[in-house]
């Protein structure tokens, strides 16, 4: 209890510093990322992983180092934003609930960023021969897999990959194979198939934070294309936003949904693809089966604690397995 009080006292006293840093950090980032042709939404999950690392909740030094080396990241506002948390944790040892892992089944739209890393970590720790991160952004899993001796691939837009490779040349990286992709054509599937030829063991395909931002036809093209090259035992893991986010019965929930959708739209990348998850997982399973996958597990997240399910994460296996 004393550690918690000490931590919150420090954070309260330095709240003005943190708010100022946050405002300058995000405003600068939105301006510069557009000029670089890089997704602004890729920075939020990177920052979430860096904060988990900062508090000792999830070790990820690669993400922490990458955050400070990326163009568009102004390090002074970033340190103003993170320093109060780091100081409070160093002096008290307390990890606030808002910076801790969210247990399975308890995530909301606002906290799912602190659940997703652990969901994908679990899948990537289960006898993986190769990992493929599609829409990789600033993800560090491929590099970690390569360092451990596995085959690792990242698929993303060329501008993002060039920036990431330049930064990782300074911070260190594993032997990752980078496959450039177009924004509206899944022609990278063939390159990925050739790259995976002969790789031993199970392949895990990860689409973290990607499907909601794709046009529905392109989302189906990507997922169907992966089913075509998947082998028995392979796994596809992804997260999604449900159509229910647009059809909430409660006025407060509708206002919260509108605010969330406007925030991603303001970054230039609105939600475009909404999964039909009514009747439990029937709609999700039907969509996957039509593309060659069999639904295995789902983990939902809600609009708020105790509210309507508006998204989640899922794993599936190829139907020809």
Protein backbone atom coordinates (compact mmCIF):
# COMPACT_ATOMS: atom_id res chain seq x y z
CA UNK A 1 0.00 0.00 0.00
CA UNK A 2 2.81 2.42 0.91
CA UNK A 3 4.57 1.67 -2.37
CA UNK A 4 1.36 2.41 -4.28
CA UNK A 5 0.87 5.73 -2.42
CA UNK A 6 4.51 6.69 -3.01
CA UNK A 7 4.23 5.88 -6.72
CA UNK A 8 1.03 7.85 -7.26
CA UNK A 9 2.36 10.82 -5.24
CA UNK A 10 5.38 11.09 -7.53
CA UNK A 11 3.24 10.74 -10.63
CA UNK A 12 0.77 13.36 -9.34
CA UNK A 13 3.54 15.86 -8.63
CA UNK A 14 4.98 15.34 -12.11
CA UNK A 15 1.64 15.08 -13.94
CA UNK A 16 2.12 18.43 -15.66
CA UNK A 17 5.47 17.29 -17.04
CA UNK A 18 3.96 14.06 -18.36
CA UNK A 19 0.93 15.74 -19.98
CA UNK A 20 3.13 18.34 -21.65
CA UNK A 21 5.44 15.66 -23.00
CA UNK A 22 2.52 13.58 -24.26
CA UNK A 23 0.91 16.49 -26.13
CA UNK A 24 4.15 17.49 -27.85
CA UNK A 25 5.11 13.88 -28.58
CA UNK A 26 1.89 12.95 -30.39
CA UNK A 27 1.43 16.23 -32.24
CA UNK A 28 5.00 16.10 -33.56
CA UNK A 29 4.67 12.43 -34.45
CA UNK A 30 1.47 12.89 -36.47
CA UNK A 31 3.03 15.67 -38.52
CA UNK A 32 6.29 13.90 -39.30
CA UNK A 33 4.93 10.39 -39.90
CA UNK A 34 2.69 11.63 -42.69
CA UNK A 35 5.65 13.29 -44.37
CA UNK A 36 7.63 10.06 -44.15
CA UNK A 37 4.78 7.94 -45.54
CA UNK A 38 4.75 5.79 -42.38
CA UNK A 39 1.72 4.59 -40.43
CA UNK A 40 1.13 6.76 -37.37
CA UNK A 41 -0.92 3.98 -35.76
CA UNK A 42 2.20 1.76 -35.65
CA UNK A 43 3.66 3.88 -32.85
CA UNK A 44 0.93 3.24 -30.24
CA UNK A 45 1.61 -0.50 -29.83
CA UNK A 46 5.36 0.19 -29.82
CA UNK A 47 4.90 2.70 -27.01
CA UNK A 48 2.72 0.21 -25.10
CA UNK A 49 5.42 -2.47 -25.37
CA UNK A 50 8.12 0.03 -24.33
CA UNK A 51 6.10 0.95 -21.24
CA UNK A 52 5.65 -2.70 -20.29
CA UNK A 53 9.41 -3.07 -20.59
CA UNK A 54 10.02 0.10 -18.60
CA UNK A 55 8.02 -1.30 -15.65
CA UNK A 56 9.61 -4.75 -15.85
CA UNK A 57 6.31 -6.39 -16.82
CA UNK A 58 7.47 -7.71 -20.19
CA UNK A 59 11.09 -7.75 -21.31
CA UNK A 60 11.53 -6.13 -24.73
CA UNK A 61 14.72 -4.10 -24.94
CA UNK A 62 14.51 -4.09 -28.74
CA UNK A 63 11.21 -2.17 -28.71
CA UNK A 64 12.50 0.27 -26.13
CA UNK A 65 15.66 1.00 -28.14
CA UNK A 66 13.75 1.22 -31.43
CA UNK A 67 11.29 3.75 -29.99
CA UNK A 68 14.11 6.20 -29.29
CA UNK A 69 15.77 5.74 -32.69
CA UNK A 70 12.80 6.20 -35.05
CA UNK A 71 12.44 9.33 -37.16
CA UNK A 72 9.41 11.32 -36.15
CA UNK A 73 10.02 10.56 -32.48
CA UNK A 74 11.14 13.67 -30.64
CA UNK A 75 13.14 12.28 -27.72
CA UNK A 76 12.71 15.26 -25.38
CA UNK A 77 8.88 15.07 -25.26
CA UNK A 78 9.20 11.28 -25.11
CA UNK A 79 11.40 11.45 -22.01
CA UNK A 80 9.08 14.05 -20.45
CA UNK A 81 6.25 11.57 -20.99
CA UNK A 82 8.11 8.51 -19.65
CA UNK A 83 10.40 9.97 -16.97
CA UNK A 84 7.70 10.41 -14.27
CA UNK A 85 6.71 6.76 -14.69
CA UNK A 86 10.30 5.58 -14.63
CA UNK A 87 11.14 7.66 -11.55
CA UNK A 88 8.03 6.50 -9.68
CA UNK A 89 8.78 2.87 -10.48
CA UNK A 90 12.47 3.18 -9.57
CA UNK A 91 11.74 4.78 -6.20
CA UNK A 92 8.70 2.72 -5.18
CA UNK A 93 8.91 -0.52 -7.17
CA UNK A 94 5.15 -0.21 -7.71
CA UNK A 95 3.60 -1.06 -11.09
CA UNK A 96 0.24 0.74 -11.56
CA UNK A 97 -2.61 -1.35 -12.87
CA UNK A 98 -2.71 0.94 -15.92
CA UNK A 99 0.82 -0.21 -16.82
CA UNK A 100 0.42 -3.90 -16.04
CA UNK A 101 -0.65 -6.90 -18.09
CA UNK A 102 -4.39 -7.12 -18.71
CA UNK A 103 -5.63 -10.65 -17.86
CA UNK A 104 -7.20 -12.74 -20.60
CA UNK A 105 -10.87 -11.93 -21.11
CA UNK A 106 -10.70 -8.57 -19.31
CA UNK A 107 -9.41 -6.34 -22.12
CA UNK A 108 -11.37 -3.36 -23.40
CA UNK A 109 -10.86 -1.18 -26.47
CA UNK A 110 -8.79 1.17 -24.32
CA UNK A 111 -6.66 -1.52 -22.63
CA UNK A 112 -6.26 -4.13 -25.38
CA UNK A 113 -2.82 -2.70 -26.20
CA UNK A 114 -1.65 -4.17 -22.88
CA UNK A 115 -3.19 -7.55 -23.65
CA UNK A 116 -2.18 -8.12 -27.27
CA UNK A 117 1.58 -8.55 -26.69
CA UNK A 118 1.01 -11.40 -24.24
CA UNK A 119 -1.54 -13.10 -26.50
CA UNK A 120 0.92 -13.20 -29.40
CA UNK A 121 3.86 -14.02 -27.12
CA UNK A 122 2.12 -17.19 -26.02
CA UNK A 123 1.52 -18.32 -29.59
CA UNK A 124 5.10 -17.54 -30.63
CA UNK A 125 6.52 -19.56 -27.74
CA UNK A 126 4.87 -22.84 -28.77
CA UNK A 127 7.30 -24.79 -30.95
CA UNK A 128 7.74 -22.24 -33.73
CA UNK A 129 10.00 -22.97 -36.70
CA UNK A 130 9.25 -19.75 -38.58
CA UNK A 131 7.43 -16.52 -37.82
CA UNK A 132 5.82 -14.21 -40.36
CA UNK A 133 4.67 -10.77 -39.18
CA UNK A 134 2.41 -9.11 -41.73
CA UNK A 135 2.03 -5.36 -41.37
CA UNK A 136 4.98 -5.65 -38.99
CA UNK A 137 5.45 -1.95 -38.33
CA UNK A 138 7.80 -1.64 -35.36
CA UNK A 139 7.26 -5.17 -34.04
CA UNK A 140 10.34 -6.89 -32.57
CA UNK A 141 9.20 -10.54 -32.57
CA UNK A 142 10.74 -11.43 -35.91
CA UNK A 143 14.17 -10.19 -34.82
CA UNK A 144 13.89 -12.09 -31.53
CA UNK A 145 12.94 -15.28 -33.41
CA UNK A 146 15.87 -14.85 -35.79
CA UNK A 147 18.25 -14.39 -32.86
CA UNK A 148 16.95 -17.66 -31.41
CA UNK A 149 17.75 -19.47 -34.66
CA UNK A 150 14.31 -19.52 -36.27
CA UNK A 151 13.29 -18.28 -39.70
CA UNK A 152 11.78 -14.79 -39.52
CA UNK A 153 9.93 -12.72 -42.10
CA UNK A 154 8.38 -9.27 -42.04
CA UNK A 155 5.89 -8.02 -44.63
CA UNK A 156 5.18 -4.29 -44.79
CA UNK A 157 5.27 -1.22 -46.98
CA UNK A 158 8.69 -0.42 -48.39
CA UNK A 159 8.91 3.00 -46.69
CA UNK A 160 8.30 1.46 -43.27
CA UNK A 161 10.79 -1.35 -43.86
CA UNK A 162 13.51 1.01 -45.07
CA UNK A 163 13.11 3.17 -41.97
CA UNK A 164 13.10 0.19 -39.64
CA UNK A 165 16.18 -1.39 -41.22
CA UNK A 166 18.08 1.89 -40.99
CA UNK A 167 17.22 2.21 -37.29
CA UNK A 168 18.00 -1.42 -36.51
CA UNK A 169 21.38 -1.11 -38.19
CA UNK A 170 22.20 1.20 -35.29
CA UNK A 171 20.42 -0.67 -32.49
CA UNK A 172 21.17 -4.22 -33.71
CA UNK A 173 18.86 -6.73 -35.40
CA UNK A 174 18.53 -10.41 -36.14
CA UNK A 175 18.59 -11.98 -39.60
CA UNK A 176 15.09 -11.04 -40.67
CA UNK A 177 13.91 -11.42 -44.28
CA UNK A 178 12.01 -8.28 -45.31
CA UNK A 179 9.35 -8.69 -47.99
CA UNK A 180 7.91 -5.42 -49.36
CA UNK A 181 4.16 -5.21 -49.93
CA UNK A 182 1.77 -2.97 -51.83
CA UNK A 183 -1.03 -1.21 -49.99
CA UNK A 184 -3.75 -2.78 -52.12
CA UNK A 185 -2.34 -5.96 -53.70
CA UNK A 186 -1.29 -9.17 -51.95
CA UNK A 187 1.32 -10.00 -54.59
CA UNK A 188 3.82 -10.50 -51.74
CA UNK A 189 2.25 -13.91 -51.03
CA UNK A 190 4.34 -15.53 -53.78
CA UNK A 191 7.57 -14.04 -52.43
CA UNK A 192 6.68 -15.26 -48.95
CA UNK A 193 5.91 -18.76 -50.22
CA UNK A 194 9.32 -18.97 -51.87
CA UNK A 195 10.99 -17.69 -48.73
CA UNK A 196 9.26 -20.27 -46.54
CA UNK A 197 10.12 -23.18 -48.83
CA UNK A 198 12.10 -25.72 -46.87
CA UNK A 199 11.75 -23.98 -43.50
CA UNK A 200 11.33 -26.66 -40.81
CA UNK A 201 8.66 -26.77 -38.12
CA UNK A 202 5.49 -24.84 -37.65
CA UNK A 203 4.98 -21.38 -39.14
CA UNK A 204 3.06 -18.73 -37.22
CA UNK A 205 1.50 -15.94 -39.30
CA UNK A 206 0.76 -12.81 -37.25
CA UNK A 207 -1.55 -10.01 -38.32
CA UNK A 208 -1.42 -7.77 -35.26
CA UNK A 209 -3.27 -4.47 -35.49
CA UNK A 210 -3.73 -4.84 -39.25
CA UNK A 211 -7.09 -6.22 -40.40
CA UNK A 212 -9.29 -3.34 -39.12
CA UNK A 213 -7.37 -0.87 -41.31
CA UNK A 214 -7.64 -2.86 -44.55
CA UNK A 215 -10.35 -2.69 -47.17
CA UNK A 216 -12.55 -5.82 -46.78
CA UNK A 217 -11.57 -7.21 -50.19
CA UNK A 218 -7.85 -6.81 -49.47
CA UNK A 219 -8.25 -8.35 -46.00
CA UNK A 220 -9.86 -11.41 -47.61
CA UNK A 221 -7.15 -11.53 -50.28
CA UNK A 222 -4.40 -11.55 -47.64
CA UNK A 223 -6.00 -14.12 -45.33
CA UNK A 224 -7.02 -16.38 -48.24
CA UNK A 225 -3.56 -16.14 -49.77
CA UNK A 226 -1.94 -17.21 -46.51
CA UNK A 227 -4.26 -20.23 -46.33
CA UNK A 228 -3.04 -21.27 -49.78
CA UNK A 229 0.62 -21.41 -48.69
CA UNK A 230 0.05 -22.63 -45.11
CA UNK A 231 1.05 -26.17 -44.17
CA UNK A 232 -0.54 -28.58 -41.70
CA UNK A 233 0.23 -27.42 -38.19
CA UNK A 234 0.68 -23.76 -39.14
CA UNK A 235 -1.24 -21.08 -37.23
CA UNK A 236 -2.71 -17.72 -38.18
CA UNK A 237 -3.16 -15.26 -35.31
CA UNK A 238 -4.89 -11.91 -35.71
CA UNK A 239 -7.02 -9.29 -33.97
CA UNK A 240 -10.15 -7.65 -35.26
CA UNK A 241 -12.82 -5.04 -34.63
CA UNK A 242 -16.46 -6.13 -34.65
CA UNK A 243 -19.39 -4.59 -36.48
CA UNK A 244 -20.99 -4.20 -33.04
CA UNK A 245 -18.71 -1.17 -32.52
CA UNK A 246 -21.02 0.65 -34.96
CA UNK A 247 -24.31 -0.60 -33.47
CA UNK A 248 -24.04 -0.10 -29.70
CA UNK A 249 -27.36 0.25 -27.84
CA UNK A 250 -26.05 2.42 -24.99
CA UNK A 251 -25.60 6.19 -25.55
CA UNK A 252 -22.41 6.32 -23.44
CA UNK A 253 -20.94 3.38 -25.37
CA UNK A 254 -21.83 5.00 -28.69
CA UNK A 255 -20.04 8.18 -27.63
CA UNK A 256 -16.99 6.16 -26.56
CA UNK A 257 -17.03 4.25 -29.84
CA UNK A 258 -17.26 7.47 -31.83
CA UNK A 259 -14.31 8.94 -29.95
CA UNK A 260 -12.19 5.84 -30.54
CA UNK A 261 -12.96 5.74 -34.26
CA UNK A 262 -12.32 9.46 -34.65
CA UNK A 263 -8.93 9.13 -32.95
CA UNK A 264 -7.68 6.56 -35.48
CA UNK A 265 -9.26 8.45 -38.36
CA UNK A 266 -7.40 11.59 -37.24
CA UNK A 267 -4.15 9.68 -37.76
CA UNK A 268 -5.19 9.15 -41.39
CA UNK A 269 -6.03 5.46 -40.98
CA UNK A 270 -9.72 4.90 -40.16
CA UNK A 271 -11.22 1.51 -39.39
CA UNK A 272 -12.37 -0.02 -42.69
CA UNK A 273 -13.02 -3.67 -41.94
CA UNK A 274 -15.49 -4.76 -39.27
CA UNK A 275 -15.92 -8.44 -38.51
CA UNK A 276 -19.43 -9.86 -38.06
CA UNK A 277 -19.27 -11.53 -34.65
CA UNK A 278 -22.94 -11.76 -33.77
CA UNK A 279 -24.19 -15.20 -32.67
CA UNK A 280 -20.96 -15.72 -30.72
CA UNK A 281 -18.16 -16.67 -33.14
CA UNK A 282 -20.37 -18.00 -35.96
CA UNK A 283 -19.80 -15.02 -38.27
CA UNK A 284 -16.04 -15.06 -37.68
CA UNK A 285 -15.85 -18.81 -38.26
CA UNK A 286 -17.88 -18.54 -41.47
CA UNK A 287 -15.63 -15.79 -42.83
CA UNK A 288 -12.49 -17.81 -42.06
CA UNK A 289 -13.85 -21.06 -43.52
CA UNK A 290 -14.65 -19.26 -46.75
CA UNK A 291 -10.96 -18.35 -46.97
CA UNK A 292 -9.53 -21.77 -46.05
CA UNK A 293 -9.06 -21.47 -42.28
CA UNK A 294 -10.64 -23.22 -39.30
CA UNK A 295 -11.23 -21.10 -36.18
CA UNK A 296 -9.47 -22.47 -33.10
CA UNK A 297 -9.69 -19.94 -30.26
CA UNK A 298 -10.92 -16.41 -29.64
CA UNK A 299 -10.27 -13.92 -26.87
CA UNK A 300 -12.70 -10.98 -26.86
CA UNK A 301 -12.34 -7.39 -25.77
CA UNK A 302 -15.21 -5.10 -24.82
CA UNK A 303 -16.11 -1.46 -25.35
CA UNK A 304 -15.60 -1.03 -21.57
CA UNK A 305 -15.49 -3.28 -18.51
CA UNK A 306 -18.71 -5.31 -18.48
CA UNK A 307 -19.80 -3.84 -21.82
CA UNK A 308 -20.55 -5.24 -25.26
CA UNK A 309 -17.90 -7.30 -27.08
CA UNK A 310 -16.56 -5.12 -29.91
CA UNK A 311 -13.43 -6.98 -31.00
CA UNK A 312 -10.88 -9.52 -30.02
CA UNK A 313 -8.04 -11.80 -31.00
CA UNK A 314 -8.21 -15.20 -32.62
CA UNK A 315 -6.13 -18.14 -33.83
CA UNK A 316 -6.97 -20.52 -36.66
CA UNK A 317 -5.41 -23.40 -38.57
CA UNK A 318 -5.58 -24.29 -42.28
CA UNK A 319 -8.58 -26.42 -43.26
CA UNK A 320 -6.43 -28.73 -45.36
CA UNK A 321 -4.43 -29.73 -42.25
